[in-house]
Amino acid sequence: MASKITVKAPSSTANLGPGFDVFGLALNAFYDEITLTKTKSGITIITDGNVPTNPEKNTAGLVVKNMKKKFKIKEGIEIKIKKGVPAGFGMGSSAASAAAAAVAFDKLFRLKLDGNSLVEFAGSGEKASAGTIHYDNVAASVLGGFVIVKTNPLDVIRVEPPTNLRMCIAVPDIGVPKKKTKVSRGVIPKKIKFTDSILNLSNAAAIVAGFMKKDLELIGNSIKDVIVEPARQHMIPGFTKVKQNALKAGALGVTISGAGPSVIAFSKSSSNLKKISKAMSKGFESTNTKCQIIICKPSKGAINKK
């Protein structure tokens, strides 16, 4: 039996507009890498990233702690975290670490858990960074592709994305608050209009149909959110301009990536992705904000790094 294993898990974008806390999409933009090594006792964390080394406050640490307890594993674990996903920018940074930790633990102890169980354990780690458990990012990171999260009981539906789907992500160079996810969840309205709920629901349903039919136009046209995006856009300088510019340059749909502040434009591989990227940069420049642009495509889920 192996005494050590390394797993890498991809970044992800959640919500995709109207699918708040339900939709996730794995992206090959960045990866987190976790190496688990068996030790005599306890849980220790070694990291090059700016993340907590207390297992209670670290997403990967919390996942390992919960899995150790659940499966009554006496051995200790050393967790080595190599951060590749930038933290706090709406690309599932904490989720990537949690996903990699759950998959690595499963392989190290040959538990042979199913996808839903892995997502559930990975989700338990999100509590360390987001304060609440939500499964959209971790489900995408664990399973890859496009995911739909059904809760109570947890059941994740995975759909293979169209091969010609491409995303341009504009990552603004702005400071993000410490508990950013908590802050951005705090601005979401407690009450919503019935008509808004129907509009978001119809768009979300159309996104699912778009992924099933591999219809990029349908996906892009349906990435419209009238509930969460309007409540959060003030936290992103120049958001409206970035969105308008990207659509004008040929993007099929634009929204906030997860809890932001990154903005994601959906397009097809045949589009002029450089033109879309430049247009998004110009949008941020209108408020004197610099940004980094990543052009990416959907990714597979967490895998063993040989």
Protein backbone atom coordinates (compact mmCIF):
# COMPACT_ATOMS: atom_id res chain seq x y z
CA MET A 1 0.00 0.00 0.00
CA ALA A 2 1.36 3.41 -0.96
CA SER A 3 2.53 5.64 1.88
CA LYS A 4 2.30 8.81 -0.19
CA ILE A 5 0.16 10.16 -3.03
CA THR A 6 -0.11 13.40 -5.06
CA VAL A 7 -3.33 14.64 -6.65
CA LYS A 8 -3.96 17.81 -8.65
CA ALA A 9 -7.38 19.43 -8.93
CA PRO A 10 -8.51 22.18 -11.31
CA SER A 11 -9.84 25.68 -10.74
CA SER A 12 -13.56 26.17 -11.40
CA THR A 13 -16.24 28.76 -11.99
CA ALA A 14 -19.53 28.53 -10.11
CA ASN A 15 -23.07 29.79 -10.74
CA LEU A 16 -22.62 30.52 -14.49
CA GLY A 17 -25.07 33.37 -13.96
CA PRO A 18 -28.49 32.06 -12.91
CA GLY A 19 -27.35 28.73 -11.40
CA PHE A 20 -26.39 30.13 -8.00
CA ASP A 21 -24.92 27.39 -5.72
CA VAL A 22 -26.09 24.78 -8.27
CA PHE A 23 -23.82 25.01 -11.36
CA GLY A 24 -20.08 24.52 -11.54
CA LEU A 25 -17.61 24.18 -14.39
CA ALA A 26 -14.03 22.90 -14.06
CA LEU A 27 -11.45 25.11 -15.82
CA ASN A 28 -7.93 24.27 -16.94
CA ALA A 29 -6.74 27.78 -15.98
CA PHE A 30 -5.01 26.79 -12.71
CA TYR A 31 -4.44 23.71 -10.54
CA ASP A 32 -3.80 23.01 -6.85
CA GLU A 33 -1.62 20.07 -5.93
CA ILE A 34 -1.90 18.10 -2.70
CA THR A 35 0.53 15.43 -1.50
CA LEU A 36 -0.59 13.26 1.40
CA THR A 37 2.03 11.24 3.28
CA LYS A 38 1.30 8.77 6.07
CA THR A 39 2.98 9.64 9.39
CA LYS A 40 2.82 8.25 12.93
CA SER A 41 0.19 10.62 14.28
CA GLY A 42 -1.72 13.90 13.93
CA ILE A 43 -2.22 16.15 10.92
CA THR A 44 0.51 18.53 9.78
CA ILE A 45 0.33 21.02 6.93
CA ILE A 46 3.26 22.19 4.83
CA THR A 47 2.58 24.87 2.23
CA ASP A 48 4.25 27.42 0.00
CA GLY A 49 1.01 29.39 -0.29
CA ASN A 50 -0.46 32.03 1.97
CA VAL A 51 -2.93 29.61 3.61
CA PRO A 52 -3.55 28.65 7.25
CA THR A 53 -1.51 25.71 8.57
CA ASN A 54 -4.02 24.93 11.32
CA PRO A 55 -6.01 21.91 9.98
CA GLU A 56 -9.24 23.37 11.43
CA LYS A 57 -8.84 26.53 9.36
CA ASN A 58 -7.48 24.96 6.19
CA THR A 59 -9.86 23.42 3.63
CA ALA A 60 -7.59 20.46 2.85
CA GLY A 61 -6.84 19.99 6.55
CA LEU A 62 -10.51 19.92 7.46
CA VAL A 63 -11.25 17.37 4.71
CA VAL A 64 -8.47 15.07 5.96
CA LYS A 65 -9.61 15.49 9.58
CA ASN A 66 -13.22 14.61 8.68
CA MET A 67 -12.21 11.61 6.56
CA LYS A 68 -9.80 10.30 9.21
CA LYS A 69 -12.57 10.46 11.79
CA LYS A 70 -15.25 8.94 9.54
CA PHE A 71 -13.11 5.97 8.48
CA LYS A 72 -11.44 5.57 11.92
CA ILE A 73 -7.94 5.94 10.50
CA LYS A 74 -5.33 5.97 13.25
CA GLU A 75 -2.29 6.95 11.19
CA GLY A 76 -1.17 10.54 10.98
CA ILE A 77 -1.10 12.53 7.74
CA GLU A 78 1.24 15.17 6.43
CA ILE A 79 -0.49 17.45 3.91
CA LYS A 80 1.73 19.26 1.44
CA ILE A 81 -0.16 21.99 -0.44
CA LYS A 82 1.12 23.54 -3.64
CA LYS A 83 -1.22 26.45 -4.45
CA GLY A 84 -1.75 27.22 -8.11
CA VAL A 85 -5.29 28.67 -7.99
CA PRO A 86 -5.21 32.34 -6.88
CA ALA A 87 -7.18 32.72 -3.64
CA GLY A 88 -10.17 35.05 -3.41
CA PHE A 89 -10.78 35.69 -7.12
CA GLY A 90 -13.83 33.53 -7.85
CA MET A 91 -12.05 30.50 -9.30
CA GLY A 92 -12.64 27.95 -6.56
CA SER A 93 -9.24 28.19 -4.87
CA SER A 94 -10.28 26.64 -1.54
CA ALA A 95 -12.42 24.09 -3.42
CA ALA A 96 -9.46 22.89 -5.52
CA SER A 97 -7.44 22.12 -2.37
CA ALA A 98 -10.43 20.42 -0.75
CA ALA A 99 -11.15 18.34 -3.89
CA ALA A 100 -7.53 17.25 -4.27
CA ALA A 101 -7.37 16.32 -0.56
CA ALA A 102 -10.55 14.20 -0.71
CA VAL A 103 -9.46 12.34 -3.85
CA ALA A 104 -5.91 11.83 -2.49
CA PHE A 105 -7.22 10.48 0.85
CA ASP A 106 -9.57 8.11 -0.98
CA LYS A 107 -6.70 6.75 -3.09
CA LEU A 108 -4.15 6.61 -0.26
CA PHE A 109 -6.42 4.45 1.89
CA ARG A 110 -8.10 2.64 -1.04
CA LEU A 111 -11.59 3.60 0.10
CA LYS A 112 -13.07 3.44 -3.44
CA LEU A 113 -15.66 6.13 -2.66
CA ASP A 114 -18.21 7.19 -5.28
CA GLY A 115 -18.35 10.68 -6.78
CA ASN A 116 -21.08 11.97 -4.46
CA SER A 117 -19.19 10.86 -1.33
CA LEU A 118 -15.99 12.50 -2.54
CA VAL A 119 -17.88 15.74 -3.27
CA GLU A 120 -19.52 15.60 0.17
CA PHE A 121 -16.16 15.24 1.97
CA ALA A 122 -14.57 17.94 -0.20
CA GLY A 123 -17.56 20.20 0.55
CA SER A 124 -17.03 19.75 4.28
CA GLY A 125 -13.68 21.48 3.86
CA GLU A 126 -15.27 24.58 2.33
CA LYS A 127 -16.50 25.45 5.81
CA ALA A 128 -12.93 26.43 6.71
CA SER A 129 -12.78 29.21 4.12
CA ALA A 130 -16.34 30.13 3.19
CA GLY A 131 -17.99 29.65 6.59
CA THR A 132 -20.72 27.54 4.96
CA ILE A 133 -20.76 24.33 2.97
CA HIS A 134 -21.61 24.64 -0.70
CA TYR A 135 -20.79 22.10 -3.34
CA ASP A 136 -20.74 23.87 -6.72
CA ASN A 137 -16.97 24.49 -6.93
CA VAL A 138 -15.86 21.29 -5.20
CA ALA A 139 -18.16 19.15 -7.39
CA ALA A 140 -16.60 20.65 -10.53
CA SER A 141 -13.07 20.21 -9.14
CA VAL A 142 -13.62 16.60 -8.10
CA LEU A 143 -15.56 15.40 -11.15
CA GLY A 144 -14.51 17.81 -13.91
CA GLY A 145 -16.72 19.16 -16.69
CA PHE A 146 -20.07 20.86 -16.06
CA VAL A 147 -21.89 19.88 -12.87
CA ILE A 148 -25.39 20.38 -11.50
CA VAL A 149 -25.63 20.01 -7.73
CA LYS A 150 -28.84 18.61 -6.27
CA THR A 151 -28.92 18.79 -2.49
CA ASN A 152 -30.87 17.02 0.21
CA PRO A 153 -29.74 14.33 -0.44
CA LEU A 154 -26.62 15.34 -2.35
CA ASP A 155 -26.60 14.12 -5.92
CA VAL A 156 -24.25 15.61 -8.50
CA ILE A 157 -25.08 15.33 -12.18
CA ARG A 158 -22.07 15.65 -14.47
CA VAL A 159 -22.37 16.69 -18.11
CA GLU A 160 -19.53 16.61 -20.63
CA PRO A 161 -19.09 20.19 -21.95
CA PRO A 162 -18.93 21.00 -25.68
CA THR A 163 -15.34 20.51 -26.92
CA ASN A 164 -15.30 23.94 -28.59
CA LEU A 165 -16.28 25.88 -25.44
CA ARG A 166 -13.73 28.50 -24.41
CA MET A 167 -13.67 31.03 -21.58
CA CYS A 168 -11.84 34.33 -21.17
CA ILE A 169 -11.40 35.19 -17.50
CA ALA A 170 -10.45 38.72 -16.54
CA VAL A 171 -8.84 38.77 -13.09
CA PRO A 172 -8.74 42.36 -11.82
CA ASP A 173 -5.80 43.57 -9.79
CA ILE A 174 -7.79 44.68 -6.75
CA GLY A 175 -7.59 43.88 -3.06
CA VAL A 176 -10.12 41.31 -1.89
CA PRO A 177 -11.54 41.23 1.65
CA LYS A 178 -10.29 38.52 4.05
CA LYS A 179 -13.47 36.43 4.17
CA LYS A 180 -14.47 37.38 0.64
CA THR A 181 -17.01 34.62 0.04
CA LYS A 182 -18.79 35.51 3.27
CA VAL A 183 -18.79 39.22 2.33
CA SER A 184 -20.11 38.60 -1.19
CA ARG A 185 -22.79 36.24 0.12
CA GLY A 186 -23.82 39.00 2.53
CA VAL A 187 -24.95 41.37 -0.26
CA ILE A 188 -27.38 38.88 -1.84
CA PRO A 189 -31.00 40.01 -1.38
CA LYS A 190 -33.00 38.12 1.25
CA LYS A 191 -36.23 38.60 -0.72
CA ILE A 192 -36.62 38.37 -4.46
CA LYS A 193 -39.41 39.12 -6.89
CA PHE A 194 -41.32 36.11 -8.15
CA THR A 195 -40.85 37.27 -11.76
CA ASP A 196 -37.06 37.44 -11.24
CA SER A 197 -37.06 33.92 -9.84
CA ILE A 198 -38.91 32.67 -12.93
CA LEU A 199 -36.52 34.46 -15.27
CA ASN A 200 -33.45 32.98 -13.55
CA LEU A 201 -35.04 29.54 -13.48
CA SER A 202 -35.82 29.61 -17.21
CA ASN A 203 -32.26 30.73 -18.01
CA ALA A 204 -30.75 28.06 -15.74
CA ALA A 205 -32.88 25.36 -17.38
CA ALA A 206 -31.78 26.60 -20.82
CA ILE A 207 -28.09 26.43 -19.78
CA VAL A 208 -28.54 22.76 -18.86
CA ALA A 209 -30.25 22.12 -22.23
CA GLY A 210 -27.37 23.95 -23.93
CA PHE A 211 -24.77 21.70 -22.30
CA MET A 212 -26.81 18.58 -23.09
CA LYS A 213 -27.27 19.60 -26.74
CA LYS A 214 -23.71 20.99 -27.01
CA ASP A 215 -25.27 24.25 -28.18
CA LEU A 216 -22.90 27.11 -27.34
CA GLU A 217 -25.25 29.87 -28.49
CA LEU A 218 -27.97 28.56 -26.17
CA ILE A 219 -25.51 28.39 -23.25
CA GLY A 220 -24.21 31.91 -23.89
CA ASN A 221 -27.63 33.52 -24.44
CA SER A 222 -28.87 31.98 -21.18
CA ILE A 223 -26.03 33.24 -18.98
CA LYS A 224 -28.24 36.00 -17.62
CA ASP A 225 -28.75 36.53 -13.91
CA VAL A 226 -31.21 39.13 -12.59
CA ILE A 227 -30.80 38.28 -8.88
CA VAL A 228 -27.20 37.81 -7.70
CA GLU A 229 -25.19 39.65 -10.37
CA PRO A 230 -27.00 43.00 -9.91
CA ALA A 231 -26.46 42.73 -6.13
CA ARG A 232 -22.75 42.01 -6.45
CA GLN A 233 -21.60 44.03 -9.45
CA HIS A 234 -20.83 47.16 -7.37
CA MET A 235 -17.97 45.18 -5.79
CA ILE A 236 -16.22 44.95 -9.17
CA PRO A 237 -14.95 48.27 -10.57
CA GLY A 238 -15.98 48.69 -14.22
CA PHE A 239 -18.04 45.48 -14.34
CA THR A 240 -20.76 46.84 -16.65
CA LYS A 241 -18.16 48.13 -19.13
CA VAL A 242 -16.20 44.86 -19.03
CA LYS A 243 -19.39 42.91 -19.77
CA GLN A 244 -20.59 45.24 -22.56
CA ASN A 245 -17.15 45.25 -24.19
CA ALA A 246 -16.84 41.45 -24.15
CA LEU A 247 -20.30 40.99 -25.69
CA LYS A 248 -19.53 43.57 -28.36
CA ALA A 249 -16.27 41.75 -29.15
CA GLY A 250 -18.16 38.51 -29.79
CA ALA A 251 -18.53 36.76 -26.40
CA LEU A 252 -21.70 34.64 -26.18
CA GLY A 253 -22.36 35.35 -22.50
CA VAL A 254 -20.65 37.18 -19.64
CA THR A 255 -21.07 37.01 -15.88
CA ILE A 256 -19.21 37.19 -12.55
CA SER A 257 -17.05 34.11 -11.96
CA GLY A 258 -18.32 32.60 -8.71
CA ALA A 259 -18.31 35.23 -5.99
CA GLY A 260 -16.00 37.45 -8.09
CA PRO A 261 -14.20 39.73 -8.61
CA SER A 262 -13.12 37.89 -11.77
CA VAL A 263 -15.38 38.27 -14.79
CA ILE A 264 -15.86 35.33 -17.16
CA ALA A 265 -16.83 35.49 -20.83
CA PHE A 266 -18.07 32.35 -22.59
CA SER A 267 -17.25 31.89 -26.24
CA LYS A 268 -16.33 29.31 -28.84
CA SER A 269 -12.91 28.23 -29.99
CA SER A 270 -13.52 29.78 -33.42
CA SER A 271 -14.13 33.25 -31.89
CA ASN A 272 -11.44 35.90 -31.72
CA LEU A 273 -10.51 35.22 -28.09
CA LYS A 274 -7.69 37.79 -28.10
CA LYS A 275 -10.16 40.46 -29.22
CA ILE A 276 -12.57 39.53 -26.40
CA SER A 277 -9.70 39.54 -23.88
CA LYS A 278 -8.51 42.96 -25.02
CA ALA A 279 -12.05 44.34 -24.83
CA MET A 280 -12.37 43.08 -21.23
CA SER A 281 -9.02 44.67 -20.30
CA LYS A 282 -10.20 47.98 -21.75
CA GLY A 283 -13.36 47.73 -19.64
CA PHE A 284 -11.29 47.46 -16.48
CA GLU A 285 -8.95 50.21 -17.68
CA SER A 286 -11.96 52.57 -17.79
CA THR A 287 -11.77 52.56 -13.96
CA ASN A 288 -7.95 52.54 -13.86
CA THR A 289 -7.91 48.86 -12.91
CA LYS A 290 -5.31 46.52 -14.31
CA CYS A 291 -6.27 42.92 -15.00
CA GLN A 292 -4.80 39.60 -16.03
CA ILE A 293 -6.62 37.61 -18.72
CA ILE A 294 -6.65 33.84 -18.87
CA ILE A 295 -8.04 32.01 -21.89
CA CYS A 296 -9.08 28.53 -20.87
CA LYS A 297 -11.32 25.56 -21.59
CA PRO A 298 -13.19 23.01 -19.47
CA SER A 299 -11.02 20.64 -17.47
CA LYS A 300 -11.16 17.06 -16.27
CA GLY A 301 -11.54 16.50 -12.54
CA ALA A 302 -8.99 15.78 -9.79
CA ILE A 303 -6.39 13.25 -10.91
CA ASN A 304 -3.40 11.34 -9.60
CA LYS A 305 -0.17 13.02 -10.52
CA LYS A 306 2.16 10.22 -11.49
